[in-house]
Amino acid sequence: MPEIEARTSVPVVLILDDDIEVGTAIAELMRAEGFESTSFATIGELLASPLFERANCLILDVQMPHM
């Protein structure tokens, strides 16, 4: 019987905020807490990211223009 390799993965937190400074600050805070994190300024950038499929949590700006 083949051995199953145990995988440990870091949770991925993605941030969507049109204010780049806010998104960057939240992403830095998440990384400091041990998460893999990236911020995006548009929904298109977020959806195009390969990290989107691995996201465990999304932090969204609820007052973004054009949404």
Protein backbone atom coordinates (compact mmCIF):
# COMPACT_ATOMS: atom_id res chain seq x y z
CA MET A 1 0.00 0.00 0.00
CA PRO A 2 1.51 3.40 -0.96
CA GLU A 3 2.26 5.83 1.81
CA ILE A 4 0.16 8.94 1.93
CA GLU A 5 2.36 11.98 2.31
CA ALA A 6 1.13 14.34 5.01
CA ARG A 7 0.86 17.87 3.69
CA THR A 8 0.87 20.93 5.81
CA SER A 9 -0.40 24.00 4.12
CA VAL A 10 -0.52 27.58 5.21
CA PRO A 11 -4.02 29.10 5.01
CA VAL A 12 -4.41 31.63 2.21
CA VAL A 13 -6.11 34.97 2.95
CA LEU A 14 -6.85 37.24 0.00
CA ILE A 15 -7.79 40.90 0.36
CA LEU A 16 -9.81 42.96 -2.13
CA ASP A 17 -9.66 46.71 -1.52
CA ASP A 18 -9.44 49.58 -3.99
CA ASP A 19 -7.36 51.52 -1.43
CA ILE A 20 -3.95 49.95 -2.10
CA GLU A 21 -2.45 51.13 1.19
CA VAL A 22 -5.26 49.54 3.21
CA GLY A 23 -5.06 46.27 1.26
CA THR A 24 -1.28 46.13 1.66
CA ALA A 25 -1.48 46.83 5.39
CA ILE A 26 -4.04 44.06 5.94
CA ALA A 27 -1.98 41.60 3.86
CA GLU A 28 1.15 42.44 5.89
CA LEU A 29 -0.78 41.88 9.13
CA MET A 30 -2.03 38.50 7.88
CA ARG A 31 1.51 37.45 6.88
CA ALA A 32 2.82 38.50 10.30
CA GLU A 33 0.25 36.12 11.81
CA GLY A 34 1.48 33.23 9.66
CA PHE A 35 -0.97 33.31 6.75
CA GLU A 36 -0.11 33.48 3.08
CA SER A 37 -1.71 36.73 1.97
CA THR A 38 -1.93 39.05 -1.02
CA SER A 39 -4.03 42.11 -1.73
CA PHE A 40 -5.79 43.07 -4.96
CA ALA A 41 -7.20 46.41 -6.10
CA THR A 42 -9.80 45.02 -8.54
CA ILE A 43 -12.08 42.01 -8.70
CA GLY A 44 -10.52 41.10 -12.06
CA GLU A 45 -7.05 40.85 -10.51
CA LEU A 46 -8.40 38.70 -7.68
CA LEU A 47 -10.25 36.29 -9.96
CA ALA A 48 -7.26 35.97 -12.31
CA SER A 49 -4.86 35.09 -9.51
CA PRO A 50 -3.79 31.44 -9.18
CA LEU A 51 -4.15 31.93 -5.43
CA PHE A 52 -7.91 32.42 -5.82
CA GLU A 53 -8.46 28.65 -6.16
CA ARG A 54 -6.52 28.08 -2.91
CA ALA A 55 -8.11 30.85 -0.85
CA ASN A 56 -9.35 29.90 2.59
CA CYS A 57 -10.62 33.39 3.40
CA LEU A 58 -11.51 36.54 1.46
CA ILE A 59 -11.51 39.97 3.08
CA LEU A 60 -13.58 42.31 0.93
CA ASP A 61 -14.11 46.06 0.84
CA VAL A 62 -17.91 46.35 0.77
CA GLN A 63 -17.90 49.89 -0.65
CA MET A 64 -15.81 49.46 -3.79
CA PRO A 65 -16.77 51.51 -6.83
CA HIS A 66 -18.35 49.64 -9.77
CA MET A 67 -19.42 46.70 -7.64
